Amino acid sequence: MIKEFSFGNFRSFKEIQSLNLTASKISEHSDNNTIAINNNQTLLKSKAIYGANASGKSNIIRALIAFINLINYSVKDETILFHQVIQFLLSEDTDNKPTFFQLIFDIENTQYRYGLESTNKIITSEWLFGIPNEREVPYFIRENDKIIEISKKHYSEGSKLVALDVFRNNSLFLSTVAFLKGELSRQIINEITSITVLSGLEDKQLLYAGEELNNEEKKIKIIEFLKIADTGINSIGTVKLTEDYLKRAVPEILLTDYKKLQDVDLLISTHNKYNSTREKIGELQMLFEDSQSAGTKKMFELSSFIIDALTNGKTLIIDEFDARFHPLISKKIVELFNSKENIKGQLIFITHDTNLLSCDLLRRDQIDFVEKDKYGESHLYSLVQFKGARNSASFQKDYIQGKYGAIPFLGNFSKLFKPEKDA
């Protein structure tokens, strides 16, 4: 689970901002909406992020994706910095400054703080700190292409490689050590890269069923998930495409392509069929892609990730969370993550659905806002920072009225259609 992700000089964020998942010392929903990880710290099970269009909300997601991609690919891909590190461009203050990323998280009761600074050409600094006992200690600190401090006690796998000088100025030291079989480094990277980031607008190719249904236990949960969401689906599965079906369904496909497609699994759903007196007379299999709504498709696409997060204690981040969902479905998913049944999963979502802005659903520290100022800088802040906001307030009403900022200031669209003499 994430404790805190910080980033700065990245896209629309000039100054360092922090997405904080550590619970504040407030009593709202204290039993259900938080997870106590030790005697001193409690983490939030979910976090909602609101803001106007073009305020920079999605750039929070992009920052985390860039951070993960640098960790995954910097050793293998020498161009990764150029493609992932995009600095704030609207101020000369940041022209020669690096982008900043840092993540705080736990592995087996040890808190780690790993971060880096980078231009789109070189890594300018990198660090790993840990709290194996009560005090934070440096595991390693890097400046440009030199390791200036390293702990033989806590990071022996890295200290053995320092003298070999095996990492480039455009690759991460942590990733290099992991690549060379460093056990702790690989464990840290696995923890960071287990964070799942999804878009609520992008569809999978539903013609290809993927791995979701290959695991029978997961398949049962996915089907139950779809039933609870009132999709009308009894079951879901796959069948092999046949040449006869392809010729009837997509006759424009060249004959030479039929054999290539016959190895593809076709996703199907099973539904009840009724007679004229509404008695069930059997079941009917239907092509999932053709028969299901955009919302049902999204529910299927997200279901395995939601199940995985709740079962295995992963962090799931969804942009455009409410797109194509009925408000009641969005609310039910948030309630699921906030429930007492969830003992280790975490959901972070970007949304415009103000129905979720309820003190009955979310604590004040579970609600963040993003606002862009007149200089093009995005700012991230939490509702819990507003001293006048009470836990009994109507968050939805106050937000729409602009009390928390992060809303669009709209002009008069009707002016566009007035006669020229009246304009």
Protein backbone atom coordinates (compact mmCIF):
# COMPACT_ATOMS: atom_id res chain seq x y z
CA MET A 1 0.00 0.00 0.00
CA ILE A 2 1.10 3.55 -0.73
CA LYS A 3 1.82 5.91 2.16
CA GLU A 4 2.85 8.93 0.09
CA PHE A 5 3.79 9.71 -3.50
CA SER A 6 5.53 13.03 -4.18
CA PHE A 7 6.44 14.61 -7.50
CA GLY A 8 7.43 18.00 -8.85
CA ASN A 9 8.56 19.82 -12.00
CA PHE A 10 6.48 17.38 -14.00
CA ARG A 11 4.02 18.42 -16.71
CA SER A 12 1.60 20.93 -15.10
CA PHE A 13 3.05 20.56 -11.58
CA LYS A 14 5.85 23.06 -10.97
CA GLU A 15 6.35 22.68 -7.20
CA ILE A 16 6.67 19.37 -5.35
CA GLN A 17 3.22 18.03 -4.45
CA SER A 18 2.28 14.99 -2.36
CA LEU A 19 -0.52 12.46 -2.68
CA ASN A 20 -0.84 11.43 0.96
CA LEU A 21 -2.52 8.16 1.93
CA THR A 22 -1.69 8.41 5.63
CA ALA A 23 -4.81 8.93 7.72
CA SER A 24 -5.15 12.19 9.63
CA LYS A 25 -6.02 12.15 13.31
CA ILE A 26 -9.76 12.59 12.77
CA SER A 27 -12.48 10.25 13.98
CA GLU A 28 -14.62 9.98 10.83
CA HIS A 29 -15.26 6.38 9.66
CA SER A 30 -12.24 5.43 11.74
CA ASP A 31 -13.06 1.72 11.89
CA ASN A 32 -13.87 1.01 8.25
CA ASN A 33 -12.16 3.53 5.97
CA THR A 34 -8.64 3.04 7.32
CA ILE A 35 -6.15 0.25 7.88
CA ALA A 36 -3.83 0.24 10.90
CA ILE A 37 -0.44 -1.02 9.72
CA ASN A 38 1.30 -0.58 13.08
CA ASN A 39 0.81 1.16 16.42
CA ASN A 40 1.83 4.52 14.98
CA GLN A 41 0.42 4.67 11.46
CA THR A 42 -2.95 4.21 9.81
CA LEU A 43 -3.48 4.29 6.04
CA LEU A 44 -6.53 5.28 4.00
CA LYS A 45 -8.29 2.55 2.04
CA SER A 46 -9.37 4.95 -0.68
CA LYS A 47 -8.70 8.43 -2.02
CA ALA A 48 -10.88 10.50 -4.38
CA ILE A 49 -9.36 13.27 -6.51
CA TYR A 50 -11.56 16.05 -7.91
CA GLY A 51 -10.88 19.04 -10.12
CA ALA A 52 -11.93 20.91 -13.23
CA ASN A 53 -11.12 19.66 -16.71
CA ALA A 54 -7.51 20.47 -17.65
CA SER A 55 -6.63 21.14 -14.00
CA GLY A 56 -3.90 18.49 -14.02
CA LYS A 57 -5.62 15.56 -12.27
CA SER A 58 -4.44 13.01 -14.83
CA ASN A 59 -0.88 14.31 -14.53
CA ILE A 60 -0.77 12.78 -11.04
CA ILE A 61 -1.40 9.43 -12.70
CA ARG A 62 1.14 10.20 -15.43
CA ALA A 63 3.76 11.05 -12.80
CA LEU A 64 3.31 7.68 -11.12
CA ILE A 65 3.40 5.87 -14.48
CA ALA A 66 6.61 7.69 -15.42
CA PHE A 67 8.19 6.79 -12.07
CA ILE A 68 7.29 3.11 -12.50
CA ASN A 69 8.49 3.06 -16.12
CA LEU A 70 11.86 4.54 -15.16
CA ILE A 71 12.28 1.82 -12.55
CA ASN A 72 11.24 -0.91 -14.99
CA TYR A 73 13.11 0.12 -18.12
CA SER A 74 16.04 2.46 -17.37
CA VAL A 75 18.57 -0.40 -17.45
CA LYS A 76 17.34 -1.76 -20.78
CA ASP A 77 16.22 1.39 -22.61
CA GLU A 78 18.62 4.33 -22.89
CA THR A 79 15.86 6.55 -24.33
CA ILE A 80 13.40 6.08 -21.46
CA LEU A 81 14.24 9.40 -19.76
CA PHE A 82 13.53 11.36 -22.93
CA HIS A 83 10.09 9.77 -23.29
CA GLN A 84 9.00 9.80 -19.62
CA VAL A 85 10.52 12.89 -17.97
CA ILE A 86 8.48 15.91 -19.09
CA GLN A 87 9.26 19.02 -17.07
CA PHE A 88 7.04 22.01 -16.31
CA LEU A 89 7.55 24.27 -19.33
CA LEU A 90 5.72 27.48 -18.41
CA SER A 91 8.36 29.00 -16.13
CA GLU A 92 12.04 29.76 -16.65
CA ASP A 93 12.56 28.76 -13.01
CA THR A 94 12.34 25.09 -14.00
CA ASP A 95 14.28 25.22 -17.27
CA ASN A 96 17.45 23.74 -15.80
CA LYS A 97 15.98 21.86 -12.85
CA PRO A 98 15.32 18.11 -12.68
CA THR A 99 11.98 16.38 -12.20
CA PHE A 100 11.36 14.91 -8.73
CA PHE A 101 9.73 11.58 -7.81
CA GLN A 102 9.53 9.88 -4.41
CA LEU A 103 7.45 7.02 -2.97
CA ILE A 104 7.05 5.99 0.69
CA PHE A 105 5.78 2.45 1.31
CA ASP A 106 6.17 -0.60 3.54
CA ILE A 107 7.56 -4.08 2.95
CA GLU A 108 7.32 -6.59 5.78
CA ASN A 109 7.09 -3.99 8.56
CA THR A 110 9.97 -1.89 7.18
CA GLN A 111 9.19 1.54 5.79
CA TYR A 112 11.14 2.57 2.68
CA ARG A 113 11.53 5.96 1.03
CA TYR A 114 12.82 5.70 -2.52
CA GLY A 115 13.17 8.60 -4.91
CA LEU A 116 15.08 10.20 -7.74
CA GLU A 117 15.65 13.43 -9.61
CA SER A 118 16.14 13.38 -13.35
CA THR A 119 16.30 15.48 -16.48
CA ASN A 120 15.24 13.95 -19.78
CA LYS A 121 18.91 13.01 -20.32
CA ILE A 122 20.48 11.93 -17.01
CA ILE A 123 19.65 10.85 -13.47
CA THR A 124 20.93 13.69 -11.26
CA SER A 125 20.24 12.05 -7.89
CA GLU A 126 18.75 8.89 -6.41
CA TRP A 127 18.22 7.68 -2.86
CA LEU A 128 16.86 4.84 -0.77
CA PHE A 129 16.15 5.21 2.95
CA GLY A 130 14.65 2.69 5.31
CA ILE A 131 13.38 2.41 8.86
CA PRO A 132 14.39 -1.10 9.90
CA ASN A 133 13.98 -0.15 13.56
CA GLU A 134 12.85 3.22 14.91
CA ARG A 135 15.20 5.59 13.06
CA GLU A 136 15.43 6.23 9.33
CA VAL A 137 18.83 5.31 7.87
CA PRO A 138 20.26 5.80 4.37
CA TYR A 139 20.64 2.60 2.31
CA PHE A 140 22.29 4.52 -0.51
CA ILE A 141 22.53 8.08 -1.83
CA ARG A 142 23.60 8.88 -5.36
CA GLU A 143 24.61 12.18 -6.95
CA ASN A 144 24.87 12.13 -10.75
CA ASP A 145 26.84 8.97 -11.62
CA LYS A 146 28.50 8.53 -8.19
CA ILE A 147 27.32 6.70 -5.07
CA ILE A 148 28.28 9.09 -2.28
CA GLU A 149 26.93 7.01 0.62
CA ILE A 150 25.95 3.36 0.98
CA SER A 151 25.19 1.08 3.92
CA LYS A 152 27.12 -2.19 3.97
CA LYS A 153 24.86 -3.36 6.79
CA HIS A 154 21.47 -2.61 5.26
CA TYR A 155 22.30 -2.64 1.53
CA SER A 156 25.18 -5.05 1.13
CA GLU A 157 24.05 -6.16 -2.34
CA GLY A 158 24.53 -2.60 -3.58
CA SER A 159 27.82 -1.95 -1.77
CA LYS A 160 29.41 -4.90 -3.58
CA LEU A 161 28.63 -3.32 -6.95
CA VAL A 162 29.79 0.25 -6.29
CA ALA A 163 33.42 -0.50 -7.10
CA LEU A 164 32.44 -2.20 -10.35
CA ASP A 165 30.95 1.04 -11.75
CA VAL A 166 28.31 -0.88 -13.72
CA PHE A 167 25.51 1.67 -13.98
CA ARG A 168 25.09 4.49 -16.49
CA ASN A 169 24.23 8.10 -15.77
CA ASN A 170 20.84 7.53 -17.46
CA SER A 171 19.93 4.36 -15.57
CA LEU A 172 18.83 3.83 -11.97
CA PHE A 173 21.21 2.25 -9.45
CA LEU A 174 18.35 0.40 -7.72
CA SER A 175 17.24 -1.13 -11.03
CA THR A 176 20.82 -2.06 -11.92
CA VAL A 177 21.32 -3.88 -8.62
CA ALA A 178 18.01 -5.70 -9.11
CA PHE A 179 19.02 -6.63 -12.66
CA LEU A 180 22.21 -8.15 -11.23
CA LYS A 181 20.17 -10.35 -8.85
CA GLY A 182 20.01 -8.07 -5.83
CA GLU A 183 17.30 -9.67 -3.67
CA LEU A 184 16.19 -6.61 -1.66
CA SER A 185 16.31 -4.37 -4.74
CA ARG A 186 14.12 -6.80 -6.66
CA GLN A 187 11.69 -6.98 -3.72
CA ILE A 188 11.44 -3.18 -3.62
CA ILE A 189 10.90 -2.94 -7.38
CA ASN A 190 8.25 -5.68 -7.29
CA GLU A 191 6.40 -3.78 -4.58
CA ILE A 192 6.45 -0.50 -6.50
CA THR A 193 5.54 -2.03 -9.85
CA SER A 194 2.65 -3.99 -8.31
CA ILE A 195 0.75 -0.67 -8.26
CA THR A 196 -1.87 -0.97 -11.00
CA VAL A 197 -2.79 2.15 -12.97
CA LEU A 198 -5.82 2.05 -15.29
CA SER A 199 -7.83 4.41 -17.45
CA GLY A 200 -11.59 4.27 -17.11
CA LEU A 201 -11.95 5.19 -20.78
CA GLU A 202 -9.70 2.69 -22.55
CA ASP A 203 -11.17 -0.64 -23.61
CA LYS A 204 -9.36 -3.91 -23.97
CA GLN A 205 -9.75 -5.86 -27.15
CA LEU A 206 -12.65 -7.97 -25.91
CA LEU A 207 -12.21 -10.37 -28.84
CA TYR A 208 -9.20 -11.61 -26.86
CA ALA A 209 -10.39 -12.94 -23.54
CA GLY A 210 -7.03 -12.56 -21.78
CA GLU A 211 -5.97 -14.39 -18.67
CA GLU A 212 -8.85 -13.32 -16.42
CA LEU A 213 -10.93 -16.42 -17.11
CA ASN A 214 -8.11 -18.98 -17.13
CA ASN A 215 -8.05 -19.14 -13.35
CA GLU A 216 -11.23 -20.89 -12.24
CA GLU A 217 -11.27 -19.29 -8.78
CA LYS A 218 -10.90 -15.80 -10.26
CA LYS A 219 -13.47 -16.60 -12.96
CA ILE A 220 -16.07 -17.47 -10.30
CA LYS A 221 -15.42 -14.16 -8.52
CA ILE A 222 -15.64 -12.18 -11.78
CA ILE A 223 -18.98 -13.78 -12.64
CA GLU A 224 -20.31 -13.10 -9.13
CA PHE A 225 -19.04 -9.52 -9.41
CA LEU A 226 -20.99 -9.03 -12.66
CA LYS A 227 -24.13 -10.56 -11.13
CA ILE A 228 -23.98 -8.26 -8.11
CA ALA A 229 -23.63 -5.30 -10.49
CA ASP A 230 -27.01 -6.25 -12.02
CA THR A 231 -25.67 -6.90 -15.53
CA GLY A 232 -28.07 -9.77 -16.24
CA ILE A 233 -25.16 -12.12 -16.94
CA ASN A 234 -25.36 -15.67 -15.56
CA SER A 235 -21.93 -16.76 -16.71
CA ILE A 236 -19.06 -15.76 -18.91
CA GLY A 237 -16.61 -17.82 -20.89
CA THR A 238 -14.82 -18.29 -24.17
CA VAL A 239 -15.25 -20.30 -27.36
CA LYS A 240 -12.95 -20.80 -30.30
CA LEU A 241 -13.70 -18.84 -33.44
CA THR A 242 -14.78 -20.94 -36.39
CA GLU A 243 -14.26 -20.24 -40.07
CA ASP A 244 -18.02 -20.42 -40.69
CA TYR A 245 -18.71 -17.82 -38.02
CA LEU A 246 -16.00 -15.52 -39.33
CA LYS A 247 -17.30 -15.68 -42.87
CA ARG A 248 -20.80 -14.80 -41.71
CA ALA A 249 -19.84 -12.16 -39.14
CA VAL A 250 -16.95 -10.46 -40.90
CA PRO A 251 -17.07 -11.48 -44.58
CA GLU A 252 -14.63 -8.75 -45.57
CA ILE A 253 -11.75 -10.64 -43.91
CA LEU A 254 -9.41 -12.14 -46.46
CA LEU A 255 -9.50 -15.91 -46.75
CA THR A 256 -5.84 -16.06 -45.78
CA ASP A 257 -6.68 -14.44 -42.41
CA TYR A 258 -9.27 -16.98 -41.29
CA LYS A 259 -6.76 -19.55 -40.09
CA LYS A 260 -4.86 -16.90 -38.09
CA LEU A 261 -8.05 -16.00 -36.21
CA GLN A 262 -9.20 -19.54 -35.49
CA ASP A 263 -6.83 -19.78 -32.53
CA VAL A 264 -8.45 -16.73 -30.90
CA ASP A 265 -10.83 -17.16 -27.94
CA LEU A 266 -14.15 -15.38 -28.39
CA LEU A 267 -15.67 -13.91 -25.23
CA ILE A 268 -19.30 -14.89 -24.64
CA SER A 269 -21.87 -14.27 -21.92
CA THR A 270 -24.79 -16.47 -20.87
CA HIS A 271 -28.27 -15.05 -20.19
CA ASN A 272 -31.69 -16.41 -19.23
CA LYS A 273 -34.29 -16.89 -21.99
CA TYR A 274 -38.03 -16.67 -21.23
CA ASN A 275 -41.29 -17.68 -22.91
CA SER A 276 -44.33 -15.46 -23.47
CA THR A 277 -45.47 -15.95 -19.86
CA ARG A 278 -42.05 -14.91 -18.52
CA GLU A 279 -41.06 -18.43 -17.48
CA LYS A 280 -37.44 -19.37 -17.91
CA ILE A 281 -37.07 -21.86 -20.73
CA GLY A 282 -33.31 -22.00 -21.02
CA GLU A 283 -30.16 -20.00 -21.48
CA LEU A 284 -28.71 -18.15 -24.43
CA GLN A 285 -25.08 -17.48 -25.24
CA MET A 286 -24.31 -14.07 -26.72
CA LEU A 287 -21.17 -12.40 -28.06
CA PHE A 288 -19.92 -10.18 -25.26
CA GLU A 289 -18.59 -7.46 -27.55
CA ASP A 290 -21.85 -7.14 -29.49
CA SER A 291 -24.40 -7.64 -26.73
CA GLN A 292 -23.07 -5.74 -23.72
CA SER A 293 -23.20 -2.05 -22.88
CA ALA A 294 -20.09 0.11 -22.47
CA GLY A 295 -20.66 0.09 -18.70
CA THR A 296 -20.84 -3.71 -18.51
CA LYS A 297 -17.68 -4.02 -20.60
CA LYS A 298 -15.89 -1.64 -18.25
CA MET A 299 -17.18 -3.58 -15.24
CA PHE A 300 -15.74 -6.78 -16.72
CA GLU A 301 -12.44 -5.09 -17.55
CA LEU A 302 -12.03 -3.67 -14.02
CA SER A 303 -13.39 -6.65 -12.09
CA SER A 304 -10.22 -8.74 -12.13
CA PHE A 305 -8.11 -5.76 -11.02
CA ILE A 306 -10.53 -4.92 -8.20
CA ILE A 307 -10.53 -8.54 -7.04
CA ASP A 308 -6.73 -8.69 -7.23
CA ALA A 309 -6.31 -5.48 -5.20
CA LEU A 310 -8.69 -6.64 -2.47
CA THR A 311 -7.36 -10.20 -2.35
CA ASN A 312 -3.63 -9.52 -2.56
CA GLY A 313 -3.40 -6.12 -0.89
CA LYS A 314 -2.46 -4.07 -3.95
CA THR A 315 -2.97 -0.42 -4.79
CA LEU A 316 -5.35 0.20 -7.70
CA ILE A 317 -5.44 3.63 -9.35
CA ILE A 318 -8.18 4.49 -11.85
CA ASP A 319 -8.42 7.63 -13.96
CA GLU A 320 -11.93 8.66 -15.14
CA PHE A 321 -13.32 6.23 -12.57
CA ASP A 322 -16.99 7.16 -13.04
CA ALA A 323 -16.99 7.16 -16.86
CA ARG A 324 -19.69 4.79 -18.22
CA PHE A 325 -20.78 3.78 -14.72
CA HIS A 326 -24.12 4.48 -13.08
CA PRO A 327 -23.48 6.54 -9.90
CA LEU A 328 -24.74 3.69 -7.72
CA ILE A 329 -22.13 1.31 -9.16
CA SER A 330 -19.31 3.81 -8.56
CA LYS A 331 -20.53 4.25 -5.00
CA LYS A 332 -20.73 0.48 -4.38
CA ILE A 333 -17.13 -0.02 -5.52
CA VAL A 334 -15.88 2.72 -3.19
CA GLU A 335 -17.96 1.23 -0.37
CA LEU A 336 -16.36 -2.15 -1.07
CA PHE A 337 -12.86 -0.75 -0.60
CA ASN A 338 -13.97 1.16 2.51
CA SER A 339 -15.65 -1.89 4.05
CA LYS A 340 -14.42 -3.90 7.02
CA GLU A 341 -14.07 -6.88 4.67
CA ASN A 342 -11.21 -5.05 2.92
CA ILE A 343 -8.17 -5.58 5.11
CA LYS A 344 -5.34 -4.66 2.72
CA GLY A 345 -6.49 -3.23 -0.64
CA GLN A 346 -6.28 0.43 -1.68
CA LEU A 347 -8.19 2.44 -4.31
CA ILE A 348 -7.17 5.86 -5.65
CA PHE A 349 -9.50 7.32 -8.25
CA ILE A 350 -9.98 10.47 -10.28
CA THR A 351 -13.61 11.44 -10.73
CA HIS A 352 -16.15 14.15 -11.50
CA ASP A 353 -18.97 12.27 -9.75
CA THR A 354 -20.04 14.63 -6.95
CA ASN A 355 -22.46 11.98 -5.62
CA LEU A 356 -19.38 10.42 -4.01
CA LEU A 357 -18.64 13.66 -2.13
CA SER A 358 -20.48 12.52 0.96
CA CYS A 359 -19.44 12.49 4.59
CA ASP A 360 -21.29 9.17 4.86
CA LEU A 361 -18.89 7.62 2.31
CA LEU A 362 -15.55 9.42 2.59
CA ARG A 363 -13.52 11.04 5.33
CA ARG A 364 -12.21 14.55 4.73
CA ASP A 365 -8.66 13.22 4.31
CA GLN A 366 -9.94 10.85 1.61
CA ILE A 367 -10.90 13.77 -0.64
CA ASP A 368 -8.26 15.69 -2.62
CA PHE A 369 -8.60 18.51 -5.13
CA VAL A 370 -6.47 19.71 -8.03
CA GLU A 371 -6.61 23.32 -9.16
CA LYS A 372 -4.60 25.10 -11.86
CA ASP A 373 -3.71 28.76 -11.33
CA LYS A 374 -3.40 31.53 -13.93
CA TYR A 375 0.29 30.69 -14.41
CA GLY A 376 -0.54 27.17 -15.57
CA GLU A 377 0.63 25.54 -12.32
CA SER A 378 -1.40 22.68 -10.82
CA HIS A 379 -1.79 22.40 -7.05
CA LEU A 380 -2.89 19.32 -5.10
CA TYR A 381 -4.54 19.73 -1.69
CA SER A 382 -6.87 17.87 0.66
CA LEU A 383 -10.27 18.73 2.08
CA VAL A 384 -8.92 18.04 5.56
CA GLN A 385 -6.76 21.18 5.18
CA PHE A 386 -9.90 23.38 5.23
CA LYS A 387 -10.38 24.31 8.88
CA GLY A 388 -14.00 25.33 8.37
CA ALA A 389 -15.02 22.04 6.73
CA ARG A 390 -16.85 19.87 9.26
CA ASN A 391 -17.46 16.15 8.94
CA SER A 392 -21.21 16.85 8.97
CA ALA A 393 -21.04 19.33 6.06
CA SER A 394 -22.49 18.74 2.62
CA PHE A 395 -19.23 18.22 0.74
CA GLN A 396 -21.06 17.97 -2.58
CA LYS A 397 -22.96 21.23 -2.17
CA ASP A 398 -19.95 23.15 -0.86
CA TYR A 399 -17.75 21.90 -3.70
CA ILE A 400 -20.24 22.88 -6.42
CA GLN A 401 -20.55 26.31 -4.81
CA GLY A 402 -16.78 26.74 -5.07
CA LYS A 403 -15.92 26.68 -1.36
CA TYR A 404 -13.03 24.28 -1.97
CA GLY A 405 -11.90 25.65 -5.33
CA ALA A 406 -10.97 23.18 -8.10
CA ILE A 407 -14.04 23.99 -10.23
CA PRO A 408 -14.21 25.55 -13.71
CA PHE A 409 -15.07 29.23 -14.11
CA LEU A 410 -17.34 29.12 -17.13
CA GLY A 411 -18.19 31.90 -19.51
CA ASN A 412 -21.45 32.47 -21.38
CA PHE A 413 -21.60 29.88 -24.17
CA SER A 414 -24.75 31.46 -25.62
CA LYS A 415 -22.64 34.40 -26.84
CA LEU A 416 -21.33 32.09 -29.55
CA PHE A 417 -24.77 31.92 -31.13
CA LYS A 418 -25.97 35.50 -30.83
CA PRO A 419 -26.39 37.53 -34.02
CA GLU A 420 -23.27 39.54 -34.82
CA LYS A 421 -24.93 42.88 -34.06
CA ASP A 422 -25.91 41.66 -30.57
CA ALA A 423 -22.60 39.99 -29.75
